[in-house]
Amino acid sequence: MNKLLYQKIIEDALKEDLGMGDLTTDSVFDNNARSYGTFTAKADGVLAGLDVLMFVYEALDGDVSVKLLKEDGDPVKKGDKIAQVEGSTRALLSGERVILNLIQHMSGIATSTNTIVSKLDDPSISITDTRKTLPGLRALQKYAVTCGGGKNHRFRLDDGAMIKDNHIAAAGSISEAVNLVRKNIGHMVKIEVETENKDQVKEAIESRVDVIMLDNRTPEEVKEFVSIIPDGVIVEVSGGITPYNISDYKGCGADIISLGWLTHSVKALDISFNLD
């Protein structure tokens, strides 16, 4: 992943965690102390964000050596060694928490995404994230989704026009909202409309939108609505989909299933760091 996307996040995280310095580590170890350490998976999962190790240690001490034993997207089992590091003991310990916070969170996202992709077991449907991300961490969270086998939805509001229920209510109708948006965007921008019933789907079709989102629809409803949506219009399904019901959507005919909880409610993958 592009180093520039990590740099400010890591810089801010280190400033937040270090303050004026690591009082404990700096008191116990002098500048000459050197150690070896190992990052180890404490649960099964999928890895993401391993470049964080290099970038954090580079910021703290350019002489720290990092040997990655796994790559982003690799599956791990409990007990697997992920990386080995060698260098200033002060740097190794002072960077530990920032590194673990980021790679555990990102690997948790990758793991959850991989679980959903596996449970759906339908290569014709892409699993995507949403904009429900933590402020400042969106680029890393969305990258983690791709490590787990998913794809990305919009990164920002300027990535595409997405007409939702409040836009429709304010404009008066789907067709009016689409007309207003179409007057103000360029030819490269896609238009997506969120729909909640069959009449809205029909109106979106008549408005010639590029993407129709079926919001909070059952697998049976999705199949019914897909049957009237023309080829060439992308069908997205979102809302109310969990690891417990995702397999019900296999073969439903949708192109995309988007899940906000992949990034906003994920459980971190347990990873430890220990000096050897």
Protein backbone atom coordinates (compact mmCIF):
# COMPACT_ATOMS: atom_id res chain seq x y z
CA MET A 1 0.00 0.00 0.00
CA ASN A 2 1.15 3.56 -0.74
CA LYS A 3 3.39 4.78 2.08
CA LEU A 4 1.88 8.26 1.89
CA LEU A 5 -1.48 6.88 3.05
CA TYR A 6 0.14 5.50 6.18
CA GLN A 7 2.47 8.36 7.03
CA LYS A 8 0.15 10.91 8.61
CA ILE A 9 -1.89 8.26 10.43
CA ILE A 10 1.26 6.74 11.92
CA GLU A 11 2.77 10.13 12.72
CA ASP A 12 -0.39 11.22 14.56
CA ALA A 13 -0.69 7.88 16.36
CA LEU A 14 2.91 8.01 17.58
CA LYS A 15 2.53 11.60 18.79
CA GLU A 16 -0.64 10.62 20.63
CA ASP A 17 0.92 7.57 22.29
CA LEU A 18 4.46 8.80 23.04
CA GLY A 19 3.75 12.31 24.28
CA MET A 20 7.08 13.54 25.66
CA GLY A 21 8.55 10.02 25.65
CA ASP A 22 8.15 6.44 26.88
CA LEU A 23 8.92 6.93 30.59
CA THR A 24 9.00 3.22 31.44
CA THR A 25 11.07 1.92 28.53
CA ASP A 26 13.48 4.87 28.53
CA SER A 27 14.08 4.36 32.27
CA VAL A 28 14.76 0.63 32.03
CA PHE A 29 16.86 0.55 28.83
CA ASP A 30 19.65 2.83 27.64
CA ASN A 31 20.30 3.86 24.05
CA ASN A 32 22.68 0.96 23.45
CA ALA A 33 20.29 -1.83 24.42
CA ARG A 34 19.26 -4.04 21.51
CA SER A 35 16.70 -6.85 21.31
CA TYR A 36 14.95 -9.32 19.02
CA GLY A 37 11.17 -9.63 18.97
CA THR A 38 8.41 -11.60 17.29
CA PHE A 39 4.85 -10.74 16.26
CA THR A 40 2.60 -13.79 16.59
CA ALA A 41 -1.02 -14.53 15.70
CA LYS A 42 -3.09 -15.48 18.75
CA ALA A 43 -6.17 -16.40 16.68
CA ASP A 44 -7.00 -17.67 13.21
CA GLY A 45 -7.61 -14.99 10.62
CA VAL A 46 -6.43 -13.03 7.59
CA LEU A 47 -3.65 -10.43 7.78
CA ALA A 48 -3.65 -6.80 6.66
CA GLY A 49 -1.48 -3.75 7.32
CA LEU A 50 1.91 -5.40 7.82
CA ASP A 51 3.68 -2.44 6.23
CA VAL A 52 2.80 -0.61 9.45
CA LEU A 53 5.70 -2.41 11.15
CA MET A 54 8.24 -0.96 8.75
CA PHE A 55 6.79 2.53 8.75
CA VAL A 56 6.49 2.80 12.56
CA TYR A 57 10.00 1.56 13.22
CA GLU A 58 11.36 3.74 10.43
CA ALA A 59 9.80 6.75 12.16
CA LEU A 60 11.27 5.77 15.54
CA ASP A 61 14.66 4.39 14.52
CA GLY A 62 15.83 3.77 10.98
CA ASP A 63 18.17 0.99 12.13
CA VAL A 64 15.43 -1.44 13.16
CA SER A 65 15.41 -4.53 10.94
CA VAL A 66 12.01 -6.00 10.02
CA LYS A 67 11.61 -9.47 8.52
CA LEU A 68 8.05 -10.16 7.38
CA LEU A 69 7.18 -13.86 7.48
CA LYS A 70 3.69 -13.31 6.05
CA GLU A 71 2.07 -10.95 3.55
CA ASP A 72 -1.15 -8.95 3.54
CA GLY A 73 -4.01 -11.23 2.59
CA ASP A 74 -2.32 -14.35 3.97
CA PRO A 75 -4.36 -16.62 6.25
CA VAL A 76 -2.85 -17.34 9.67
CA LYS A 77 -3.48 -19.89 12.37
CA LYS A 78 -3.14 -19.30 16.09
CA GLY A 79 0.57 -19.51 16.92
CA ASP A 80 1.86 -18.56 13.48
CA LYS A 81 4.78 -16.14 13.49
CA ILE A 82 4.01 -13.02 11.46
CA ALA A 83 7.21 -10.98 11.65
CA GLN A 84 10.56 -10.82 13.41
CA VAL A 85 12.30 -7.57 14.32
CA GLU A 86 15.71 -6.63 15.63
CA GLY A 87 17.03 -3.29 16.82
CA SER A 88 16.96 -0.71 19.59
CA THR A 89 14.97 -2.08 22.53
CA ARG A 90 13.56 1.38 23.11
CA ALA A 91 12.23 1.58 19.55
CA LEU A 92 10.83 -1.97 19.60
CA LEU A 93 8.84 -1.42 22.78
CA SER A 94 7.81 2.18 22.17
CA GLY A 95 6.31 1.33 18.79
CA GLU A 96 4.58 -1.87 19.95
CA ARG A 97 1.15 -0.45 20.82
CA VAL A 98 0.71 1.70 17.71
CA ILE A 99 1.70 -1.23 15.50
CA LEU A 100 -0.63 -3.67 17.22
CA ASN A 101 -3.54 -1.24 17.30
CA LEU A 102 -3.38 -0.79 13.53
CA ILE A 103 -2.56 -4.30 12.32
CA GLN A 104 -5.02 -5.95 14.72
CA HIS A 105 -7.80 -3.64 13.54
CA MET A 106 -6.96 -4.00 9.85
CA SER A 107 -6.54 -7.76 10.13
CA GLY A 108 -9.90 -7.95 11.89
CA ILE A 109 -11.50 -6.23 8.91
CA ALA A 110 -9.71 -8.56 6.47
CA THR A 111 -10.80 -11.57 8.51
CA SER A 112 -14.46 -10.52 8.65
CA THR A 113 -14.48 -9.75 4.93
CA ASN A 114 -12.96 -13.12 4.12
CA THR A 115 -15.56 -14.84 6.30
CA ILE A 116 -18.41 -13.11 4.45
CA VAL A 117 -16.95 -13.89 1.02
CA SER A 118 -16.52 -17.54 1.99
CA LYS A 119 -20.01 -17.88 3.47
CA LEU A 120 -21.66 -16.26 0.44
CA ASP A 121 -19.68 -18.55 -1.88
CA ASP A 122 -20.86 -16.74 -5.00
CA PRO A 123 -18.12 -15.27 -7.23
CA SER A 124 -20.74 -13.43 -9.30
CA ILE A 125 -21.45 -11.12 -6.32
CA SER A 126 -18.83 -8.70 -5.00
CA ILE A 127 -18.67 -7.91 -1.28
CA THR A 128 -17.96 -4.22 -0.67
CA ASP A 129 -17.56 -1.83 2.22
CA THR A 130 -19.29 1.55 2.68
CA ARG A 131 -18.31 5.01 3.96
CA LYS A 132 -19.08 3.91 7.54
CA THR A 133 -15.45 4.17 8.56
CA LEU A 134 -13.50 5.71 11.43
CA PRO A 135 -12.43 9.32 10.73
CA GLY A 136 -8.87 9.41 9.45
CA LEU A 137 -8.63 5.63 8.95
CA ARG A 138 -10.76 5.19 5.84
CA ALA A 139 -7.91 4.44 3.43
CA LEU A 140 -6.47 1.76 5.73
CA GLN A 141 -9.85 0.22 6.52
CA LYS A 142 -10.85 0.01 2.87
CA TYR A 143 -7.47 -1.45 1.97
CA ALA A 144 -8.03 -4.11 4.63
CA VAL A 145 -11.33 -5.05 2.98
CA THR A 146 -9.46 -5.82 -0.25
CA CYS A 147 -6.98 -7.99 1.69
CA GLY A 148 -9.93 -10.10 2.77
CA GLY A 149 -11.21 -10.58 -0.77
CA GLY A 150 -13.70 -7.71 -0.87
CA LYS A 151 -13.91 -4.58 -3.01
CA ASN A 152 -14.37 -0.91 -2.26
CA HIS A 153 -17.49 1.23 -2.56
CA ARG A 154 -17.12 5.03 -2.70
CA PHE A 155 -14.11 6.48 -0.92
CA ARG A 156 -15.59 9.97 -0.78
CA LEU A 157 -18.75 11.86 -1.64
CA ASP A 158 -17.16 13.02 -4.90
CA ASP A 159 -16.59 9.45 -6.14
CA GLY A 160 -20.11 9.10 -7.47
CA ALA A 161 -23.68 10.35 -7.09
CA MET A 162 -25.67 8.25 -4.63
CA ILE A 163 -29.28 9.35 -4.23
CA LYS A 164 -30.66 8.17 -0.88
CA ASP A 165 -34.01 8.45 0.89
CA ASN A 166 -33.41 11.98 2.21
CA HIS A 167 -32.39 13.24 -1.23
CA ILE A 168 -35.55 11.71 -2.71
CA ALA A 169 -37.73 13.21 0.01
CA ALA A 170 -36.22 16.67 -0.46
CA ALA A 171 -36.43 16.56 -4.26
CA GLY A 172 -39.95 15.15 -4.27
CA SER A 173 -39.28 11.98 -6.27
CA ILE A 174 -36.56 9.74 -7.64
CA SER A 175 -36.96 11.07 -11.16
CA GLU A 176 -36.66 14.67 -10.03
CA ALA A 177 -33.61 13.93 -7.89
CA VAL A 178 -31.96 12.12 -10.81
CA ASN A 179 -32.71 15.02 -13.18
CA LEU A 180 -31.21 17.53 -10.76
CA VAL A 181 -28.07 15.45 -10.25
CA ARG A 182 -27.64 14.76 -13.97
CA LYS A 183 -27.64 18.50 -14.71
CA ASN A 184 -24.68 19.03 -12.41
CA ILE A 185 -22.31 16.12 -13.02
CA GLY A 186 -19.97 15.11 -15.80
CA HIS A 187 -20.36 12.17 -18.13
CA MET A 188 -17.83 10.06 -16.19
CA VAL A 189 -19.87 10.03 -12.96
CA LYS A 190 -22.25 7.15 -12.24
CA ILE A 191 -25.63 7.68 -10.59
CA GLU A 192 -26.91 5.25 -7.97
CA VAL A 193 -30.37 5.33 -6.38
CA GLU A 194 -31.43 3.70 -3.13
CA THR A 195 -34.84 2.02 -3.40
CA GLU A 196 -37.17 0.52 -0.81
CA ASN A 197 -40.00 -1.01 -2.88
CA LYS A 198 -40.95 -2.19 -6.37
CA ASP A 199 -42.46 1.15 -7.44
CA GLN A 200 -39.20 2.93 -6.62
CA VAL A 201 -37.24 0.30 -8.54
CA LYS A 202 -39.44 0.92 -11.59
CA GLU A 203 -38.98 4.69 -11.25
CA ALA A 204 -35.21 4.27 -11.01
CA ILE A 205 -35.25 2.13 -14.15
CA GLU A 206 -37.28 4.76 -16.01
CA SER A 207 -34.78 7.39 -14.87
CA ARG A 208 -31.97 5.38 -16.52
CA VAL A 209 -29.69 5.26 -13.49
CA ASP A 210 -26.45 3.28 -13.51
CA VAL A 211 -26.85 1.48 -10.18
CA ILE A 212 -29.96 0.49 -8.23
CA MET A 213 -29.58 -0.29 -4.54
CA LEU A 214 -32.16 -2.61 -3.00
CA ASP A 215 -32.28 -1.55 0.63
CA ASN A 216 -33.26 -4.02 3.37
CA ARG A 217 -34.72 -6.56 0.94
CA THR A 218 -35.05 -10.30 1.51
CA PRO A 219 -33.37 -12.72 -0.92
CA GLU A 220 -36.80 -13.46 -2.43
CA GLU A 221 -37.51 -9.76 -2.97
CA VAL A 222 -34.07 -9.27 -4.51
CA LYS A 223 -34.75 -12.05 -7.02
CA GLU A 224 -38.14 -10.53 -7.86
CA PHE A 225 -36.74 -7.03 -8.41
CA VAL A 226 -33.70 -8.26 -10.34
CA SER A 227 -36.06 -9.91 -12.84
CA ILE A 228 -37.37 -6.50 -13.96
CA ILE A 229 -34.07 -4.59 -13.88
CA PRO A 230 -32.49 -4.32 -17.36
CA ASP A 231 -29.12 -5.84 -18.14
CA GLY A 232 -26.39 -3.24 -17.83
CA VAL A 233 -27.83 -1.74 -14.63
CA ILE A 234 -25.75 -2.72 -11.62
CA VAL A 235 -27.76 -4.12 -8.72
CA GLU A 236 -26.54 -3.53 -5.18
CA VAL A 237 -28.07 -5.06 -2.06
CA SER A 238 -27.54 -3.52 1.37
CA GLY A 239 -29.04 -3.51 4.85
CA GLY A 240 -29.74 -6.23 7.36
CA ILE A 241 -27.18 -8.66 5.98
CA THR A 242 -25.06 -10.54 8.53
CA PRO A 243 -22.75 -13.57 8.62
CA TYR A 244 -25.80 -15.55 9.71
CA ASN A 245 -27.95 -14.82 6.64
CA ILE A 246 -25.41 -13.95 3.95
CA SER A 247 -25.54 -17.46 2.46
CA ASP A 248 -29.27 -16.94 1.76
CA TYR A 249 -28.29 -14.34 -0.87
CA LYS A 250 -26.23 -16.78 -2.93
CA GLY A 251 -27.61 -16.80 -6.48
CA CYS A 252 -29.97 -13.88 -5.83
CA GLY A 253 -28.85 -12.10 -9.01
CA ALA A 254 -27.32 -9.03 -7.37
CA ASP A 255 -23.94 -7.73 -8.49
CA ILE A 256 -22.86 -6.23 -5.18
CA ILE A 257 -23.60 -6.69 -1.48
CA SER A 258 -22.38 -3.78 0.66
CA LEU A 259 -21.91 -4.08 4.42
CA GLY A 260 -21.15 -1.16 6.72
CA TRP A 261 -20.26 -3.31 9.72
CA LEU A 262 -17.15 -4.62 7.93
CA THR A 263 -15.46 -1.40 9.01
CA HIS A 264 -17.55 0.16 11.80
CA SER A 265 -18.15 -2.86 14.06
CA VAL A 266 -15.28 -5.21 13.40
CA LYS A 267 -13.55 -7.37 16.03
CA ALA A 268 -9.76 -6.99 16.05
CA LEU A 269 -7.63 -10.04 15.26
CA ASP A 270 -5.59 -10.95 18.34
CA ILE A 271 -1.85 -10.51 17.68
CA SER A 272 0.95 -10.34 20.25
CA PHE A 273 4.48 -8.98 20.35
CA ASN A 274 7.16 -10.48 22.60
CA LEU A 275 10.87 -9.88 22.99
CA ASP A 276 12.83 -13.09 22.36
